Amino acid sequence: MKNTKTFTLTAMFLAILILLSAVPFLGFIPIGPINATTMHIPVIIASIILGPRIGAFLGGVFGVISMIRSTVVLSPLSFVFSPFIPVIGTNQGSWKAIVIAMVPRILIGVVPYFVFMGLKKVTKNKPTSQSISLFIAGFLGSATNTILVMNLIYFLFKDAYAETIGASGAAVYTAILTVIFTSGIVEAIVAAIATVAVTSVLLRLVKTNATQKL
């Protein structure tokens, strides 16, 4: 029965990811040369509800979707997410794009689980502190994605990124920090609120079902 529940919830989160990616301006929201996203939210929630393995799997799906979308729907920064799009100043793509597209997204499905479980231990699993723990887990899960993606872009594609945004020198990393502390913070707050609202309900349902079977 547990496997059936896990499979059903995994399929549900997978369907949500596909829906978000398929509906314009829902999963990926263009903001200048970058895309804000809501795709990380179901991955964060799944991580807490179903654990880091399934969370990492769904994060990997998010990464694959991101690569496909960057290959099909071109943007100024498509080359940092798709190895099939030529890097600015060259005539070929780079394998480094796979690292940016996959690693941060996989970690979205891992970090929230351990943050939430760690906070549960610190707060001794008090019901009144659950919402705070979920908020922090959701916030840090989203921040993991933004911080890693933007810093990997800087370290792996610094020159091409600089040319794309028309900056040079210290201004390049200033642009990175600007993204992190503007759209990144907004994404993290939205993810945190959604995590509290949805995950608290799912946790109650899972607990209720488990109790009824005893």
N, C-alpha and C. Protein backbone atom coordinates (compact mmCIF):
# COMPACT_ATOMS: atom_id res chain seq x y z
N MET A 1 0.83 -1.21 0.00
CA MET A 1 0.00 0.00 0.00
C MET A 1 0.87 1.26 0.00
N LYS A 2 1.96 1.20 0.79
CA LYS A 2 2.86 2.35 0.85
C LYS A 2 3.46 2.62 -0.53
N ASN A 3 3.84 1.55 -1.23
CA ASN A 3 4.41 1.72 -2.57
C ASN A 3 3.39 2.32 -3.53
N THR A 4 2.13 1.92 -3.38
CA THR A 4 1.07 2.46 -4.23
C THR A 4 0.89 3.95 -3.99
N LYS A 5 0.89 4.34 -2.70
CA LYS A 5 0.76 5.75 -2.35
C LYS A 5 1.93 6.56 -2.90
N THR A 6 3.14 6.02 -2.74
CA THR A 6 4.33 6.71 -3.23
C THR A 6 4.29 6.86 -4.74
N PHE A 7 3.90 5.79 -5.43
CA PHE A 7 3.82 5.83 -6.89
C PHE A 7 2.79 6.86 -7.34
N THR A 8 1.64 6.88 -6.66
CA THR A 8 0.57 7.80 -7.03
C THR A 8 1.00 9.25 -6.85
N LEU A 9 1.62 9.55 -5.72
CA LEU A 9 2.07 10.91 -5.45
C LEU A 9 3.19 11.32 -6.40
N THR A 10 4.09 10.39 -6.69
CA THR A 10 5.18 10.69 -7.63
C THR A 10 4.62 11.01 -9.01
N ALA A 11 3.64 10.22 -9.45
CA ALA A 11 3.00 10.46 -10.75
C ALA A 11 2.29 11.81 -10.76
N MET A 12 1.68 12.17 -9.63
CA MET A 12 0.99 13.45 -9.54
C MET A 12 1.97 14.61 -9.67
N PHE A 13 3.10 14.53 -8.94
CA PHE A 13 4.10 15.60 -9.02
C PHE A 13 4.73 15.67 -10.41
N LEU A 14 4.92 14.52 -11.02
CA LEU A 14 5.46 14.48 -12.37
C LEU A 14 4.51 15.14 -13.36
N ALA A 15 3.22 14.88 -13.20
CA ALA A 15 2.20 15.49 -14.07
C ALA A 15 2.18 17.01 -13.89
N ILE A 16 2.36 17.45 -12.65
CA ILE A 16 2.38 18.89 -12.38
C ILE A 16 3.57 19.55 -13.07
N LEU A 17 4.72 18.89 -13.01
CA LEU A 17 5.91 19.42 -13.68
C LEU A 17 5.69 19.56 -15.18
N ILE A 18 5.09 18.53 -15.78
CA ILE A 18 4.83 18.56 -17.22
C ILE A 18 3.84 19.66 -17.56
N LEU A 19 2.80 19.81 -16.72
CA LEU A 19 1.80 20.85 -16.94
C LEU A 19 2.44 22.24 -16.85
N LEU A 20 3.25 22.46 -15.83
CA LEU A 20 3.90 23.76 -15.66
C LEU A 20 4.80 24.10 -16.85
N SER A 21 5.48 23.09 -17.35
CA SER A 21 6.39 23.32 -18.48
C SER A 21 5.65 23.54 -19.79
N ALA A 22 4.45 22.98 -19.89
CA ALA A 22 3.70 23.06 -21.15
C ALA A 22 2.88 24.34 -21.28
N VAL A 23 2.50 24.93 -20.15
CA VAL A 23 1.67 26.14 -20.20
C VAL A 23 2.57 27.37 -20.23
N PRO A 24 2.45 28.20 -21.27
CA PRO A 24 3.30 29.40 -21.38
C PRO A 24 3.16 30.32 -20.17
N PHE A 25 4.29 30.83 -19.72
CA PHE A 25 4.35 31.81 -18.62
C PHE A 25 3.84 31.25 -17.29
N LEU A 26 3.81 29.93 -17.16
CA LEU A 26 3.39 29.32 -15.90
C LEU A 26 4.58 28.68 -15.19
N GLY A 27 5.29 27.83 -15.90
CA GLY A 27 6.46 27.19 -15.31
C GLY A 27 7.73 28.00 -15.48
N PHE A 28 7.82 28.68 -16.63
CA PHE A 28 8.98 29.53 -16.93
C PHE A 28 8.48 30.91 -17.29
N ILE A 29 8.94 31.92 -16.55
CA ILE A 29 8.47 33.28 -16.75
C ILE A 29 9.64 34.16 -17.18
N PRO A 30 9.67 34.60 -18.44
CA PRO A 30 10.80 35.40 -18.93
C PRO A 30 10.94 36.72 -18.18
N ILE A 31 12.14 36.97 -17.67
CA ILE A 31 12.47 38.26 -17.05
C ILE A 31 13.83 38.68 -17.59
N GLY A 32 13.82 39.54 -18.60
CA GLY A 32 15.08 39.92 -19.24
C GLY A 32 15.72 38.70 -19.89
N PRO A 33 17.05 38.51 -19.68
CA PRO A 33 17.74 37.37 -20.31
C PRO A 33 17.53 36.06 -19.56
N ILE A 34 16.89 36.10 -18.39
CA ILE A 34 16.68 34.88 -17.59
C ILE A 34 15.21 34.54 -17.50
N ASN A 35 14.94 33.36 -16.98
CA ASN A 35 13.56 32.92 -16.74
C ASN A 35 13.35 32.68 -15.25
N ALA A 36 12.38 33.37 -14.65
CA ALA A 36 11.95 32.98 -13.31
C ALA A 36 11.15 31.69 -13.47
N THR A 37 11.05 30.91 -12.41
CA THR A 37 10.39 29.62 -12.56
C THR A 37 9.54 29.27 -11.35
N THR A 38 8.53 28.45 -11.60
CA THR A 38 7.74 27.85 -10.51
C THR A 38 7.92 26.34 -10.51
N MET A 39 8.75 25.84 -11.43
CA MET A 39 8.95 24.40 -11.57
C MET A 39 9.57 23.76 -10.33
N HIS A 40 10.29 24.56 -9.55
CA HIS A 40 10.96 24.01 -8.38
C HIS A 40 10.00 23.71 -7.23
N ILE A 41 8.82 24.34 -7.25
CA ILE A 41 7.90 24.20 -6.12
C ILE A 41 7.42 22.76 -5.92
N PRO A 42 6.91 22.06 -6.95
CA PRO A 42 6.52 20.67 -6.73
C PRO A 42 7.68 19.76 -6.35
N VAL A 43 8.88 20.10 -6.82
CA VAL A 43 10.06 19.30 -6.46
C VAL A 43 10.35 19.44 -4.96
N ILE A 44 10.26 20.67 -4.46
CA ILE A 44 10.49 20.93 -3.03
C ILE A 44 9.47 20.17 -2.19
N ILE A 45 8.22 20.28 -2.56
CA ILE A 45 7.15 19.62 -1.80
C ILE A 45 7.31 18.11 -1.84
N ALA A 46 7.63 17.57 -3.01
CA ALA A 46 7.84 16.13 -3.13
C ALA A 46 9.02 15.66 -2.29
N SER A 47 10.06 16.47 -2.22
CA SER A 47 11.23 16.12 -1.41
C SER A 47 10.83 15.91 0.04
N ILE A 48 10.01 16.81 0.58
CA ILE A 48 9.61 16.74 1.99
C ILE A 48 8.64 15.58 2.22
N ILE A 49 7.71 15.39 1.30
CA ILE A 49 6.67 14.36 1.47
C ILE A 49 7.20 12.96 1.17
N LEU A 50 7.98 12.83 0.10
CA LEU A 50 8.37 11.51 -0.39
C LEU A 50 9.83 11.16 -0.16
N GLY A 51 10.63 12.12 0.29
CA GLY A 51 12.03 11.84 0.58
C GLY A 51 12.98 12.29 -0.50
N PRO A 52 14.28 12.29 -0.20
CA PRO A 52 15.28 12.85 -1.12
C PRO A 52 15.50 12.06 -2.41
N ARG A 53 15.25 10.76 -2.39
CA ARG A 53 15.47 9.98 -3.63
C ARG A 53 14.46 10.38 -4.70
N ILE A 54 13.19 10.38 -4.33
CA ILE A 54 12.17 10.77 -5.31
C ILE A 54 12.28 12.26 -5.60
N GLY A 55 12.62 13.04 -4.58
CA GLY A 55 12.84 14.47 -4.80
C GLY A 55 13.94 14.70 -5.81
N ALA A 56 15.05 13.98 -5.69
CA ALA A 56 16.16 14.12 -6.63
C ALA A 56 15.74 13.68 -8.03
N PHE A 57 14.93 12.61 -8.11
CA PHE A 57 14.43 12.14 -9.41
C PHE A 57 13.61 13.22 -10.09
N LEU A 58 12.67 13.82 -9.34
CA LEU A 58 11.82 14.86 -9.91
C LEU A 58 12.63 16.11 -10.23
N GLY A 59 13.65 16.39 -9.42
CA GLY A 59 14.54 17.50 -9.74
C GLY A 59 15.28 17.24 -11.04
N GLY A 60 15.69 15.99 -11.24
CA GLY A 60 16.34 15.62 -12.49
C GLY A 60 15.41 15.79 -13.68
N VAL A 61 14.11 15.46 -13.48
CA VAL A 61 13.12 15.66 -14.54
C VAL A 61 13.02 17.16 -14.87
N PHE A 62 12.99 17.97 -13.83
CA PHE A 62 12.98 19.42 -14.02
C PHE A 62 14.19 19.86 -14.86
N GLY A 63 15.36 19.30 -14.55
CA GLY A 63 16.56 19.63 -15.29
C GLY A 63 16.48 19.24 -16.76
N VAL A 64 15.95 18.05 -17.02
CA VAL A 64 15.80 17.58 -18.41
C VAL A 64 14.82 18.48 -19.16
N ILE A 65 13.70 18.81 -18.50
CA ILE A 65 12.72 19.71 -19.12
C ILE A 65 13.35 21.05 -19.44
N SER A 66 14.18 21.54 -18.52
CA SER A 66 14.87 22.81 -18.73
C SER A 66 15.79 22.75 -19.95
N MET A 67 16.51 21.64 -20.10
CA MET A 67 17.40 21.48 -21.27
C MET A 67 16.60 21.45 -22.56
N ILE A 68 15.52 20.68 -22.56
CA ILE A 68 14.69 20.57 -23.76
C ILE A 68 14.11 21.92 -24.13
N ARG A 69 13.58 22.62 -23.14
CA ARG A 69 12.96 23.92 -23.40
C ARG A 69 13.99 24.93 -23.92
N SER A 70 15.19 24.92 -23.33
CA SER A 70 16.23 25.85 -23.76
C SER A 70 16.70 25.55 -25.18
N THR A 71 16.55 24.31 -25.59
CA THR A 71 16.93 23.93 -26.96
C THR A 71 15.86 24.32 -27.97
N VAL A 72 14.60 24.23 -27.56
CA VAL A 72 13.48 24.48 -28.46
C VAL A 72 13.05 25.95 -28.46
N VAL A 73 12.96 26.51 -27.25
CA VAL A 73 12.54 27.91 -27.10
C VAL A 73 13.78 28.74 -26.80
N LEU A 74 14.32 29.37 -27.82
CA LEU A 74 15.60 30.06 -27.68
C LEU A 74 15.46 31.37 -26.90
N SER A 75 16.45 31.62 -26.06
CA SER A 75 16.55 32.87 -25.31
C SER A 75 18.02 33.27 -25.29
N PRO A 76 18.35 34.48 -24.85
CA PRO A 76 19.75 34.90 -24.83
C PRO A 76 20.67 33.98 -24.03
N LEU A 77 20.11 33.28 -23.04
CA LEU A 77 20.93 32.40 -22.20
C LEU A 77 20.64 30.92 -22.42
N SER A 78 20.07 30.56 -23.55
CA SER A 78 19.79 29.15 -23.82
C SER A 78 21.05 28.29 -23.76
N PHE A 79 22.18 28.87 -24.13
CA PHE A 79 23.43 28.09 -24.18
C PHE A 79 23.91 27.64 -22.81
N VAL A 80 23.43 28.28 -21.72
CA VAL A 80 23.90 27.85 -20.40
C VAL A 80 23.09 26.68 -19.86
N PHE A 81 21.97 26.35 -20.51
CA PHE A 81 21.13 25.23 -20.07
C PHE A 81 21.06 24.11 -21.10
N SER A 82 21.45 24.38 -22.32
CA SER A 82 21.39 23.35 -23.37
C SER A 82 22.75 23.15 -24.02
N PRO A 83 23.24 21.91 -24.03
CA PRO A 83 24.53 21.63 -24.69
C PRO A 83 24.42 21.65 -26.21
N PHE A 84 23.19 21.82 -26.72
CA PHE A 84 22.98 21.82 -28.16
C PHE A 84 22.96 23.23 -28.77
N ILE A 85 22.98 24.24 -27.91
CA ILE A 85 22.97 25.62 -28.39
C ILE A 85 24.38 26.19 -28.32
N PRO A 86 24.89 26.72 -29.42
CA PRO A 86 26.26 27.26 -29.43
C PRO A 86 26.48 28.34 -28.38
N VAL A 87 27.59 28.24 -27.68
CA VAL A 87 27.96 29.26 -26.71
C VAL A 87 28.31 30.54 -27.46
N ILE A 88 27.94 31.67 -26.89
CA ILE A 88 28.24 32.96 -27.51
C ILE A 88 29.72 33.05 -27.84
N GLY A 89 30.02 33.40 -29.06
CA GLY A 89 31.42 33.52 -29.49
C GLY A 89 32.01 32.25 -30.06
N THR A 90 31.21 31.14 -30.08
CA THR A 90 31.67 29.87 -30.65
C THR A 90 30.60 29.34 -31.58
N ASN A 91 30.89 28.22 -32.21
CA ASN A 91 29.91 27.59 -33.09
C ASN A 91 29.44 26.24 -32.57
N GLN A 92 29.63 26.01 -31.27
CA GLN A 92 29.19 24.74 -30.68
C GLN A 92 28.76 24.92 -29.23
N GLY A 93 27.94 23.96 -28.79
CA GLY A 93 27.48 23.99 -27.41
C GLY A 93 28.52 23.42 -26.48
N SER A 94 28.21 23.41 -25.18
CA SER A 94 29.17 22.92 -24.20
C SER A 94 28.50 21.95 -23.23
N TRP A 95 29.23 20.91 -22.86
CA TRP A 95 28.75 19.94 -21.87
C TRP A 95 28.51 20.60 -20.51
N LYS A 96 29.13 21.74 -20.28
CA LYS A 96 28.96 22.43 -19.00
C LYS A 96 27.50 22.83 -18.77
N ALA A 97 26.78 22.99 -19.87
CA ALA A 97 25.36 23.35 -19.74
C ALA A 97 24.57 22.26 -19.02
N ILE A 98 24.99 21.01 -19.20
CA ILE A 98 24.31 19.89 -18.53
C ILE A 98 24.48 20.01 -17.03
N VAL A 99 25.67 20.42 -16.58
CA VAL A 99 25.94 20.60 -15.16
C VAL A 99 24.99 21.64 -14.57
N ILE A 100 24.85 22.77 -15.27
CA ILE A 100 24.00 23.85 -14.78
C ILE A 100 22.53 23.44 -14.79
N ALA A 101 22.12 22.74 -15.82
CA ALA A 101 20.72 22.34 -15.95
C ALA A 101 20.33 21.26 -14.95
N MET A 102 21.28 20.38 -14.60
CA MET A 102 20.93 19.21 -13.81
C MET A 102 21.27 19.29 -12.32
N VAL A 103 22.50 19.65 -12.01
CA VAL A 103 22.97 19.57 -10.61
C VAL A 103 22.12 20.41 -9.64
N PRO A 104 21.90 21.71 -9.91
CA PRO A 104 21.09 22.49 -8.97
C PRO A 104 19.67 21.95 -8.84
N ARG A 105 19.10 21.48 -9.95
CA ARG A 105 17.72 20.99 -9.94
C ARG A 105 17.60 19.69 -9.15
N ILE A 106 18.59 18.82 -9.26
CA ILE A 106 18.58 17.59 -8.47
C ILE A 106 18.66 17.92 -6.98
N LEU A 107 19.49 18.89 -6.64
CA LEU A 107 19.66 19.27 -5.24
C LEU A 107 18.41 19.94 -4.66
N ILE A 108 17.57 20.53 -5.53
CA ILE A 108 16.29 21.07 -5.05
C ILE A 108 15.48 19.95 -4.39
N GLY A 109 15.61 18.74 -4.91
CA GLY A 109 14.87 17.61 -4.39
C GLY A 109 15.52 16.94 -3.19
N VAL A 110 16.67 17.43 -2.78
CA VAL A 110 17.40 16.83 -1.66
C VAL A 110 17.45 17.77 -0.45
N VAL A 111 17.82 19.02 -0.69
CA VAL A 111 18.02 19.99 0.39
C VAL A 111 16.79 20.18 1.28
N PRO A 112 15.59 20.41 0.71
CA PRO A 112 14.42 20.67 1.58
C PRO A 112 14.14 19.55 2.57
N TYR A 113 14.31 18.31 2.13
CA TYR A 113 14.04 17.17 3.02
C TYR A 113 14.92 17.23 4.26
N PHE A 114 16.22 17.40 4.05
CA PHE A 114 17.15 17.38 5.18
C PHE A 114 17.02 18.64 6.04
N VAL A 115 16.68 19.77 5.42
CA VAL A 115 16.43 20.98 6.20
C VAL A 115 15.20 20.77 7.10
N PHE A 116 14.13 20.26 6.51
CA PHE A 116 12.89 20.03 7.27
C PHE A 116 13.10 19.02 8.40
N MET A 117 13.75 17.90 8.09
CA MET A 117 13.98 16.88 9.10
C MET A 117 14.90 17.38 10.20
N GLY A 118 15.90 18.17 9.82
CA GLY A 118 16.81 18.74 10.81
C GLY A 118 16.10 19.71 11.73
N LEU A 119 15.24 20.54 11.16
CA LEU A 119 14.48 21.50 11.97
C LEU A 119 13.49 20.79 12.88
N LYS A 120 12.93 19.66 12.42
CA LYS A 120 12.01 18.89 13.26
C LYS A 120 12.73 18.39 14.51
N LYS A 121 13.98 17.97 14.35
CA LYS A 121 14.75 17.50 15.50
C LYS A 121 15.07 18.65 16.44
N VAL A 122 15.45 19.79 15.86
CA VAL A 122 15.80 20.96 16.68
C VAL A 122 14.61 21.44 17.48
N THR A 123 13.44 21.44 16.85
CA THR A 123 12.22 21.93 17.52
C THR A 123 11.48 20.82 18.26
N LYS A 124 12.08 19.62 18.27
CA LYS A 124 11.48 18.46 18.94
C LYS A 124 10.09 18.13 18.39
N ASN A 125 9.94 18.36 17.09
CA ASN A 125 8.73 17.99 16.35
C ASN A 125 7.45 18.61 16.93
N LYS A 126 7.57 19.83 17.44
CA LYS A 126 6.40 20.52 17.97
C LYS A 126 5.47 20.92 16.82
N PRO A 127 4.18 20.63 16.92
CA PRO A 127 3.23 20.96 15.85
C PRO A 127 3.22 22.45 15.51
N THR A 128 3.43 23.29 16.52
CA THR A 128 3.38 24.74 16.30
C THR A 128 4.56 25.24 15.47
N SER A 129 5.62 24.47 15.43
CA SER A 129 6.81 24.91 14.69
C SER A 129 6.87 24.32 13.28
N GLN A 130 5.90 23.47 12.92
CA GLN A 130 5.95 22.82 11.61
C GLN A 130 5.89 23.83 10.47
N SER A 131 5.02 24.82 10.57
CA SER A 131 4.89 25.81 9.50
C SER A 131 6.18 26.57 9.28
N ILE A 132 6.85 26.90 10.38
CA ILE A 132 8.13 27.62 10.26
C ILE A 132 9.17 26.74 9.60
N SER A 133 9.20 25.47 9.99
CA SER A 133 10.16 24.52 9.39
C SER A 133 9.90 24.36 7.90
N LEU A 134 8.63 24.26 7.52
CA LEU A 134 8.28 24.13 6.11
C LEU A 134 8.65 25.39 5.33
N PHE A 135 8.42 26.54 5.94
CA PHE A 135 8.75 27.81 5.27
C PHE A 135 10.25 27.88 5.01
N ILE A 136 11.05 27.56 6.00
CA ILE A 136 12.51 27.62 5.85
C ILE A 136 12.98 26.60 4.82
N ALA A 137 12.41 25.38 4.88
CA ALA A 137 12.80 24.34 3.92
C ALA A 137 12.47 24.75 2.49
N GLY A 138 11.28 25.33 2.30
CA GLY A 138 10.88 25.79 0.97
C GLY A 138 11.76 26.93 0.49
N PHE A 139 12.06 27.86 1.38
CA PHE A 139 12.90 29.00 1.02
C PHE A 139 14.30 28.54 0.61
N LEU A 140 14.90 27.68 1.43
CA LEU A 140 16.26 27.22 1.14
C LEU A 140 16.32 26.30 -0.08
N GLY A 141 15.24 25.54 -0.30
CA GLY A 141 15.20 24.70 -1.50
C GLY A 141 15.24 25.55 -2.75
N SER A 142 14.45 26.60 -2.77
CA SER A 142 14.44 27.52 -3.91
C SER A 142 15.76 28.26 -4.03
N ALA A 143 16.29 28.72 -2.89
CA ALA A 143 17.56 29.46 -2.89
C ALA A 143 18.70 28.59 -3.40
N THR A 144 18.64 27.30 -3.11
CA THR A 144 19.67 26.37 -3.61
C THR A 144 19.74 26.43 -5.12
N ASN A 145 18.58 26.40 -5.76
CA ASN A 145 18.52 26.46 -7.22
C ASN A 145 19.10 27.77 -7.74
N THR A 146 18.61 28.89 -7.23
CA THR A 146 19.04 30.19 -7.74
C THR A 146 20.53 30.43 -7.53
N ILE A 147 20.99 30.19 -6.31
CA ILE A 147 22.40 30.45 -5.99
C ILE A 147 23.33 29.58 -6.82
N LEU A 148 23.02 28.29 -6.92
CA LEU A 148 23.88 27.38 -7.69
C LEU A 148 23.84 27.69 -9.18
N VAL A 149 22.65 27.89 -9.73
CA VAL A 149 22.55 28.17 -11.16
C VAL A 149 23.33 29.43 -11.53
N MET A 150 23.10 30.52 -10.79
CA MET A 150 23.74 31.78 -11.13
C MET A 150 25.25 31.73 -10.93
N ASN A 151 25.70 31.08 -9.88
CA ASN A 151 27.15 30.99 -9.66
C ASN A 151 27.83 30.06 -10.65
N LEU A 152 27.13 28.97 -11.02
CA LEU A 152 27.70 28.08 -12.04
C LEU A 152 27.78 28.79 -13.39
N ILE A 153 26.79 29.61 -13.69
CA ILE A 153 26.85 30.40 -14.93
C ILE A 153 28.10 31.29 -14.89
N TYR A 154 28.34 31.91 -13.74
CA TYR A 154 29.49 32.81 -13.62
C TYR A 154 30.80 32.05 -13.79
N PHE A 155 30.94 30.93 -13.10
CA PHE A 155 32.22 30.21 -13.14
C PHE A 155 32.43 29.41 -14.42
N LEU A 156 31.36 28.94 -15.04
CA LEU A 156 31.52 28.11 -16.24
C LEU A 156 31.36 28.87 -17.55
N PHE A 157 30.59 29.97 -17.52
CA PHE A 157 30.34 30.72 -18.75
C PHE A 157 30.52 32.23 -18.54
N LYS A 158 31.50 32.61 -17.75
CA LYS A 158 31.67 34.00 -17.37
C LYS A 158 31.75 34.94 -18.58
N ASP A 159 32.64 34.63 -19.52
CA ASP A 159 32.85 35.52 -20.66
C ASP A 159 31.62 35.61 -21.56
N ALA A 160 31.01 34.45 -21.83
CA ALA A 160 29.82 34.44 -22.69
C ALA A 160 28.66 35.15 -22.01
N TYR A 161 28.53 34.96 -20.70
CA TYR A 161 27.47 35.63 -19.93
C TYR A 161 27.69 37.14 -19.94
N ALA A 162 28.94 37.54 -19.76
CA ALA A 162 29.27 38.96 -19.77
C ALA A 162 28.90 39.60 -21.10
N GLU A 163 29.19 38.89 -22.19
CA GLU A 163 28.85 39.42 -23.51
C GLU A 163 27.34 39.50 -23.69
N THR A 164 26.62 38.53 -23.16
CA THR A 164 25.17 38.50 -23.29
C THR A 164 24.51 39.68 -22.60
N ILE A 165 24.99 40.00 -21.39
CA ILE A 165 24.37 41.09 -20.62
C ILE A 165 25.06 42.43 -20.84
N GLY A 166 26.15 42.42 -21.62
CA GLY A 166 26.84 43.67 -21.91
C GLY A 166 27.57 44.25 -20.73
N ALA A 167 28.21 43.39 -19.95
CA ALA A 167 28.94 43.85 -18.77
C ALA A 167 30.37 43.31 -18.81
N SER A 168 31.21 43.82 -17.93
CA SER A 168 32.59 43.35 -17.87
C SER A 168 33.13 43.56 -16.46
N GLY A 169 34.25 42.86 -16.16
CA GLY A 169 34.89 43.02 -14.87
C GLY A 169 33.99 42.66 -13.70
N ALA A 170 34.07 43.48 -12.65
CA ALA A 170 33.30 43.22 -11.43
C ALA A 170 31.80 43.35 -11.67
N ALA A 171 31.42 44.06 -12.73
CA ALA A 171 29.99 44.25 -13.03
C ALA A 171 29.30 42.94 -13.36
N VAL A 172 30.07 41.94 -13.82
CA VAL A 172 29.48 40.65 -14.18
C VAL A 172 28.93 39.96 -12.93
N TYR A 173 29.76 39.90 -11.88
CA TYR A 173 29.27 39.23 -10.67
C TYR A 173 28.24 40.08 -9.95
N THR A 174 28.33 41.38 -10.12
CA THR A 174 27.29 42.25 -9.56
C THR A 174 25.94 41.92 -10.19
N ALA A 175 25.95 41.63 -11.50
CA ALA A 175 24.72 41.23 -12.19
C ALA A 175 24.21 39.90 -11.66
N ILE A 176 25.13 38.98 -11.35
CA ILE A 176 24.76 37.69 -10.77
C ILE A 176 24.07 37.90 -9.42
N LEU A 177 24.68 38.72 -8.58
CA LEU A 177 24.11 39.00 -7.26
C LEU A 177 22.76 39.70 -7.35
N THR A 178 22.63 40.56 -8.36
CA THR A 178 21.36 41.26 -8.54
C THR A 178 20.23 40.28 -8.81
N VAL A 179 20.50 39.30 -9.67
CA VAL A 179 19.49 38.28 -9.97
C VAL A 179 19.14 37.49 -8.70
N ILE A 180 20.19 37.10 -7.94
CA ILE A 180 19.97 36.30 -6.74
C ILE A 180 19.12 37.05 -5.72
N PHE A 181 19.41 38.34 -5.54
CA PHE A 181 18.73 39.11 -4.49
C PHE A 181 17.47 39.83 -4.96
N THR A 182 17.10 39.66 -6.21
CA THR A 182 15.83 40.23 -6.68
C THR A 182 14.87 39.10 -7.03
N SER A 183 14.94 38.60 -8.23
CA SER A 183 14.02 37.53 -8.63
C SER A 183 14.24 36.26 -7.80
N GLY A 184 15.48 36.03 -7.38
CA GLY A 184 15.77 34.84 -6.58
C GLY A 184 15.07 34.87 -5.23
N ILE A 185 15.06 36.03 -4.59
CA ILE A 185 14.38 36.17 -3.30
C ILE A 185 12.87 36.03 -3.46
N VAL A 186 12.34 36.64 -4.53
CA VAL A 186 10.90 36.53 -4.79
C VAL A 186 10.51 35.08 -5.01
N GLU A 187 11.28 34.37 -5.84
CA GLU A 187 11.00 32.95 -6.08
C GLU A 187 11.03 32.16 -4.78
N ALA A 188 12.02 32.45 -3.93
CA ALA A 188 12.18 31.70 -2.69
C ALA A 188 11.00 31.94 -1.73
N ILE A 189 10.53 33.19 -1.66
CA ILE A 189 9.39 33.50 -0.78
C ILE A 189 8.12 32.83 -1.29
N VAL A 190 7.90 32.89 -2.61
CA VAL A 190 6.73 32.24 -3.20
C VAL A 190 6.79 30.73 -2.94
N ALA A 191 7.97 30.15 -3.14
CA ALA A 191 8.14 28.71 -2.91
C ALA A 191 7.90 28.36 -1.45
N ALA A 192 8.38 29.21 -0.55
CA ALA A 192 8.22 28.96 0.88
C ALA A 192 6.75 28.98 1.29
N ILE A 193 6.02 29.98 0.78
CA ILE A 193 4.59 30.08 1.10
C ILE A 193 3.82 28.89 0.53
N ALA A 194 4.12 28.52 -0.71
CA ALA A 194 3.45 27.37 -1.34
C ALA A 194 3.78 26.08 -0.60
N THR A 195 5.02 25.97 -0.15
CA THR A 195 5.43 24.76 0.59
C THR A 195 4.65 24.62 1.88
N VAL A 196 4.48 25.72 2.60
CA VAL A 196 3.70 25.68 3.85
C VAL A 196 2.25 25.31 3.56
N ALA A 197 1.66 25.96 2.56
CA ALA A 197 0.24 25.76 2.27
C ALA A 197 -0.07 24.34 1.81
N VAL A 198 0.75 23.82 0.91
CA VAL A 198 0.46 22.51 0.31
C VAL A 198 0.99 21.36 1.16
N THR A 199 2.23 21.48 1.60
CA THR A 199 2.86 20.37 2.31
C THR A 199 2.20 20.08 3.65
N SER A 200 1.78 21.11 4.36
CA SER A 200 1.12 20.89 5.65
C SER A 200 -0.15 20.06 5.48
N VAL A 201 -0.88 20.31 4.38
CA VAL A 201 -2.09 19.55 4.10
C VAL A 201 -1.74 18.10 3.73
N LEU A 202 -0.75 17.94 2.86
CA LEU A 202 -0.36 16.59 2.44
C LEU A 202 0.19 15.78 3.61
N LEU A 203 0.94 16.42 4.50
CA LEU A 203 1.47 15.71 5.66
C LEU A 203 0.35 15.22 6.56
N ARG A 204 -0.68 16.04 6.71
CA ARG A 204 -1.83 15.62 7.52
C ARG A 204 -2.56 14.45 6.88
N LEU A 205 -2.73 14.51 5.56
CA LEU A 205 -3.41 13.43 4.85
C LEU A 205 -2.64 12.13 4.94
N VAL A 206 -1.33 12.22 4.76
CA VAL A 206 -0.49 11.02 4.84
C VAL A 206 -0.54 10.43 6.25
N LYS A 207 -0.47 11.31 7.26
CA LYS A 207 -0.52 10.84 8.65
C LYS A 207 -1.88 10.22 8.98
N THR A 208 -2.96 10.84 8.49
CA THR A 208 -4.30 10.32 8.74
C THR A 208 -4.50 8.94 8.12
N ASN A 209 -4.04 8.81 6.86
CA ASN A 209 -4.16 7.52 6.16
C ASN A 209 -3.37 6.43 6.88
N ALA A 210 -2.18 6.80 7.35
CA ALA A 210 -1.34 5.81 8.05
C ALA A 210 -2.00 5.38 9.35
N THR A 211 -2.62 6.35 10.06
CA THR A 211 -3.28 6.04 11.33
C THR A 211 -4.50 5.15 11.13
N GLN A 212 -5.26 5.41 10.07
CA GLN A 212 -6.47 4.64 9.80
C GLN A 212 -6.16 3.18 9.47
N LYS A 213 -4.95 2.91 8.98
CA LYS A 213 -4.60 1.55 8.58
C LYS A 213 -4.09 0.74 9.75
N LEU A 214 -3.82 1.44 10.89
CA LEU A 214 -3.32 0.72 12.07
C LEU A 214 -4.44 -0.04 12.78
